[in-house]
PDB file of N, CA and C in Angstrom:
ATOM      1  N   MET A   1      78.453 103.147 100.977  1.00  0.00           N
ATOM      2  CA  MET A   1      79.009 102.012 101.711  1.00  0.00           C
ATOM      3  C   MET A   1      78.076 101.627 102.863  1.00  0.00           C
ATOM      4  N   LYS A   2      78.128 100.363 103.166  1.00  0.00           N
ATOM      5  CA  LYS A   2      77.329  99.867 104.278  1.00  0.00           C
ATOM      6  C   LYS A   2      77.875 100.407 105.602  1.00  0.00           C
ATOM      7  N   MET A   3      76.996 100.526 106.555  1.00  0.00           N
ATOM      8  CA  MET A   3      77.377 100.982 107.882  1.00  0.00           C
ATOM      9  C   MET A   3      78.456 100.062 108.479  1.00  0.00           C
ATOM     10  N   LEU A   4      78.332  98.758 108.250  1.00  0.00           N
ATOM     11  CA  LEU A   4      79.312  97.798 108.745  1.00  0.00           C
ATOM     12  C   LEU A   4      80.702  98.118 108.197  1.00  0.00           C
ATOM     13  N   VAL A   5      80.785  98.399 106.910  1.00  0.00           N
ATOM     14  CA  VAL A   5      82.070  98.675 106.274  1.00  0.00           C
ATOM     15  C   VAL A   5      82.709  99.922 106.879  1.00  0.00           C
ATOM     16  N   GLU A   6      81.922 100.948 107.077  1.00  0.00           N
ATOM     17  CA  GLU A   6      82.453 102.177 107.672  1.00  0.00           C
ATOM     18  C   GLU A   6      82.939 101.930 109.104  1.00  0.00           C
ATOM     19  N   SER A   7      82.207 101.127 109.852  1.00  0.00           N
ATOM     20  CA  SER A   7      82.617 100.785 111.217  1.00  0.00           C
ATOM     21  C   SER A   7      83.918  99.993 111.211  1.00  0.00           C
ATOM     22  N   LEU A   8      84.014  99.020 110.307  1.00  0.00           N
ATOM     23  CA  LEU A   8      85.234  98.221 110.199  1.00  0.00           C
ATOM     24  C   LEU A   8      86.424  99.092 109.816  1.00  0.00           C
ATOM     25  N   LYS A   9      86.198 100.050 108.920  1.00  0.00           N
ATOM     26  CA  LYS A   9      87.280 100.936 108.499  1.00  0.00           C
ATOM     27  C   LYS A   9      87.788 101.766 109.682  1.00  0.00           C
ATOM     28  N   ARG A  10      86.869 102.302 110.471  1.00  0.00           N
ATOM     29  CA  ARG A  10      87.266 103.078 111.653  1.00  0.00           C
ATOM     30  C   ARG A  10      88.065 102.213 112.629  1.00  0.00           C
ATOM     31  N   MET A  11      87.584 100.998 112.850  1.00  0.00           N
ATOM     32  CA  MET A  11      88.262 100.094 113.785  1.00  0.00           C
ATOM     33  C   MET A  11      89.639  99.689 113.257  1.00  0.00           C
ATOM     34  N   TYR A  12      89.742  99.491 111.956  1.00  0.00           N
ATOM     35  CA  TYR A  12      91.028  99.140 111.346  1.00  0.00           C
ATOM     36  C   TYR A  12      92.020 100.291 111.501  1.00  0.00           C
ATOM     37  N   LYS A  13      91.556 101.511 111.249  1.00  0.00           N
ATOM     38  CA  LYS A  13      92.428 102.683 111.369  1.00  0.00           C
ATOM     39  C   LYS A  13      92.908 102.881 112.808  1.00  0.00           C
ATOM     40  N   LYS A  14      92.050 102.564 113.775  1.00  0.00           N
ATOM     41  CA  LYS A  14      92.415 102.711 115.186  1.00  0.00           C
ATOM     42  C   LYS A  14      93.347 101.594 115.645  1.00  0.00           C
ATOM     43  N   GLY A  15      93.440 100.529 114.863  1.00  0.00           N
ATOM     44  CA  GLY A  15      94.278  99.390 115.244  1.00  0.00           C
ATOM     45  C   GLY A  15      93.541  98.331 116.030  1.00  0.00           C
ATOM     46  N   THR A  16      92.227  98.470 116.119  1.00  0.00           N
ATOM     47  CA  THR A  16      91.405  97.501 116.842  1.00  0.00           C
ATOM     48  C   THR A  16      91.263  96.200 116.059  1.00  0.00           C
ATOM     49  N   LEU A  17      91.277  96.296 114.726  1.00  0.00           N
ATOM     50  CA  LEU A  17      91.180  95.129 113.848  1.00  0.00           C
ATOM     51  C   LEU A  17      92.427  95.036 112.980  1.00  0.00           C
ATOM     52  N   THR A  18      92.840  93.796 112.685  1.00  0.00           N
ATOM     53  CA  THR A  18      93.982  93.565 111.801  1.00  0.00           C
ATOM     54  C   THR A  18      93.487  93.259 110.385  1.00  0.00           C
ATOM     55  N   GLU A  19      94.403  93.261 109.430  1.00  0.00           N
ATOM     56  CA  GLU A  19      94.051  92.895 108.058  1.00  0.00           C
ATOM     57  C   GLU A  19      93.496  91.479 108.011  1.00  0.00           C
ATOM     58  N   GLU A  20      94.062  90.594 108.809  1.00  0.00           N
ATOM     59  CA  GLU A  20      93.600  89.209 108.837  1.00  0.00           C
ATOM     60  C   GLU A  20      92.156  89.111 109.320  1.00  0.00           C
ATOM     61  N   GLN A  21      91.818  89.911 110.308  1.00  0.00           N
ATOM     62  CA  GLN A  21      90.447  89.901 110.821  1.00  0.00           C
ATOM     63  C   GLN A  21      89.470  90.446 109.781  1.00  0.00           C
ATOM     64  N   ILE A  22      89.900  91.443 109.025  1.00  0.00           N
ATOM     65  CA  ILE A  22      89.050  91.975 107.951  1.00  0.00           C
ATOM     66  C   ILE A  22      88.898  90.914 106.863  1.00  0.00           C
ATOM     67  N   ALA A  23      89.992  90.228 106.532  1.00  0.00           N
ATOM     68  CA  ALA A  23      89.961  89.174 105.507  1.00  0.00           C
ATOM     69  C   ALA A  23      89.007  88.045 105.896  1.00  0.00           C
ATOM     70  N   GLU A  24      88.930  87.734 107.184  1.00  0.00           N
ATOM     71  CA  GLU A  24      87.998  86.699 107.654  1.00  0.00           C
ATOM     72  C   GLU A  24      86.561  87.060 107.308  1.00  0.00           C
ATOM     73  N   ARG A  25      86.239  88.330 107.356  1.00  0.00           N
ATOM     74  CA  ARG A  25      84.882  88.778 107.038  1.00  0.00           C
ATOM     75  C   ARG A  25      84.574  88.623 105.555  1.00  0.00           C
ATOM     76  N   VAL A  26      85.597  88.723 104.706  1.00  0.00           N
ATOM     77  CA  VAL A  26      85.402  88.469 103.277  1.00  0.00           C
ATOM     78  C   VAL A  26      85.121  86.985 103.083  1.00  0.00           C
ATOM     79  N   THR A  27      85.896  86.145 103.734  1.00  0.00           N
ATOM     80  CA  THR A  27      85.728  84.694 103.639  1.00  0.00           C
ATOM     81  C   THR A  27      84.338  84.266 104.080  1.00  0.00           C
ATOM     82  N   LYS A  28      83.841  84.900 105.140  1.00  0.00           N
ATOM     83  CA  LYS A  28      82.516  84.566 105.658  1.00  0.00           C
ATOM     84  C   LYS A  28      81.384  85.187 104.844  1.00  0.00           C
ATOM     85  N   GLY A  29      81.728  86.137 103.968  1.00  0.00           N
ATOM     86  CA  GLY A  29      80.707  86.763 103.136  1.00  0.00           C
ATOM     87  C   GLY A  29      80.081  88.013 103.739  1.00  0.00           C
ATOM     88  N   SER A  30      80.625  88.497 104.851  1.00  0.00           N
ATOM     89  CA  SER A  30      80.082  89.704 105.485  1.00  0.00           C
ATOM     90  C   SER A  30      80.367  90.946 104.652  1.00  0.00           C
ATOM     91  N   ILE A  31      81.554  90.956 104.012  1.00  0.00           N
ATOM     92  CA  ILE A  31      81.941  92.073 103.149  1.00  0.00           C
ATOM     93  C   ILE A  31      82.539  91.507 101.857  1.00  0.00           C
ATOM     94  N   SER A  32      82.618  92.331 100.834  1.00  0.00           N
ATOM     95  CA  SER A  32      83.184  91.894  99.553  1.00  0.00           C
ATOM     96  C   SER A  32      84.678  92.183  99.503  1.00  0.00           C
ATOM     97  N   ALA A  33      85.337  91.624  98.485  1.00  0.00           N
ATOM     98  CA  ALA A  33      86.758  91.888  98.282  1.00  0.00           C
ATOM     99  C   ALA A  33      86.993  93.373  98.004  1.00  0.00           C
ATOM    100  N   GLU A  34      86.059  94.004  97.307  1.00  0.00           N
ATOM    101  CA  GLU A  34      86.175  95.440  97.028  1.00  0.00           C
ATOM    102  C   GLU A  34      86.082  96.249  98.320  1.00  0.00           C
ATOM    103  N   GLU A  35      85.214  95.815  99.217  1.00  0.00           N
ATOM    104  CA  GLU A  35      85.085  96.506 100.500  1.00  0.00           C
ATOM    105  C   GLU A  35      86.345  96.303 101.347  1.00  0.00           C
ATOM    106  N   TYR A  36      86.944  95.121 101.250  1.00  0.00           N
ATOM    107  CA  TYR A  36      88.214  94.866 101.937  1.00  0.00           C
ATOM    108  C   TYR A  36      89.259  95.865 101.463  1.00  0.00           C
ATOM    109  N   GLU A  37      89.334  96.065 100.154  1.00  0.00           N
ATOM    110  CA  GLU A  37      90.296  97.005  99.596  1.00  0.00           C
ATOM    111  C   GLU A  37      90.002  98.435 100.057  1.00  0.00           C
ATOM    112  N   TYR A  38      88.725  98.789 100.128  1.00  0.00           N
ATOM    113  CA  TYR A  38      88.323 100.111 100.610  1.00  0.00           C
ATOM    114  C   TYR A  38      88.777 100.315 102.055  1.00  0.00           C
ATOM    115  N   ILE A  39      88.629  99.289 102.880  1.00  0.00           N
ATOM    116  CA  ILE A  39      88.961  99.385 104.297  1.00  0.00           C
ATOM    117  C   ILE A  39      90.476  99.436 104.518  1.00  0.00           C
ATOM    118  N   THR A  40      91.198  98.527 103.863  1.00  0.00           N
ATOM    119  CA  THR A  40      92.632  98.376 104.143  1.00  0.00           C
ATOM    120  C   THR A  40      93.539  99.129 103.173  1.00  0.00           C
ATOM    121  N   GLY A  41      93.017  99.425 101.981  1.00  0.00           N
ATOM    122  CA  GLY A  41      93.847 100.038 100.961  1.00  0.00           C
ATOM    123  C   GLY A  41      94.699  99.038 100.215  1.00  0.00           C
ATOM    124  N   LYS A  42      94.451  97.749 100.452  1.00  0.00           N
ATOM    125  CA  LYS A  42      95.217  96.679  99.811  1.00  0.00           C
ATOM    126  C   LYS A  42      94.283  95.727  99.089  1.00  0.00           C
ATOM    127  N   LYS A  43      94.779  95.104  98.025  1.00  0.00           N
ATOM    128  CA  LYS A  43      93.994  94.123  97.273  1.00  0.00           C
ATOM    129  C   LYS A  43      93.775  92.878  98.120  1.00  0.00           C
ATOM    130  N   TYR A  44      92.581  92.297  97.999  1.00  0.00           N
ATOM    131  CA  TYR A  44      92.274  91.047  98.674  1.00  0.00           C
ATOM    132  C   TYR A  44      92.656  89.889  97.767  1.00  0.00           C
ATOM    133  N   SER A  45      93.378  88.922  98.310  1.00  0.00           N
ATOM    134  CA  SER A  45      93.773  87.768  97.510  1.00  0.00           C
ATOM    135  C   SER A  45      93.573  86.470  98.273  1.00  0.00           C
ATOM    136  N   GLY A  46      92.339  86.148  98.515  1.00  0.00           N
ATOM    137  CA  GLY A  46      92.017  84.876  99.154  1.00  0.00           C
ATOM    138  C   GLY A  46      92.512  84.706 100.570  1.00  0.00           C
ATOM    139  N   GLY A  47      92.490  85.758 101.350  1.00  0.00           N
ATOM    140  CA  GLY A  47      92.856  85.645 102.757  1.00  0.00           C
ATOM    141  C   GLY A  47      94.170  86.285 103.107  1.00  0.00           C
ATOM    142  N   GLU A  48      94.950  86.620 102.093  1.00  0.00           N
ATOM    143  CA  GLU A  48      96.224  87.276 102.365  1.00  0.00           C
ATOM    144  C   GLU A  48      96.265  88.619 101.677  1.00  0.00           C
ATOM    145  N   ALA A  49      96.716  89.621 102.386  1.00  0.00           N
ATOM    146  CA  ALA A  49      96.813  90.960 101.814  1.00  0.00           C
ATOM    147  C   ALA A  49      98.007  91.037 100.872  1.00  0.00           C
ATOM    148  N   LYS A  50      97.843  91.824  99.810  1.00  0.00           N
ATOM    149  CA  LYS A  50      98.943  92.040  98.860  1.00  0.00           C
ATOM    150  C   LYS A  50      99.239  93.497  98.782  1.00  0.00           C
TER     151      LYS A  50
END
C-alpha cells in the first residue's frame, strides 16, 4: 500500500478523517475505490459509503 493510504487509514481510525473525506480523495483520484475499502472497511459507491 502507498504511504498515503496507510496515513489516511491511521487518521480515519483516530477519527481525524470521516468516510466522506476519504471518499473525496477517491473522487479526486488520490486513492482508488479499493483503497477506500481498505481504509474504511466499506465498499465505495460513488461518494457514499455502503
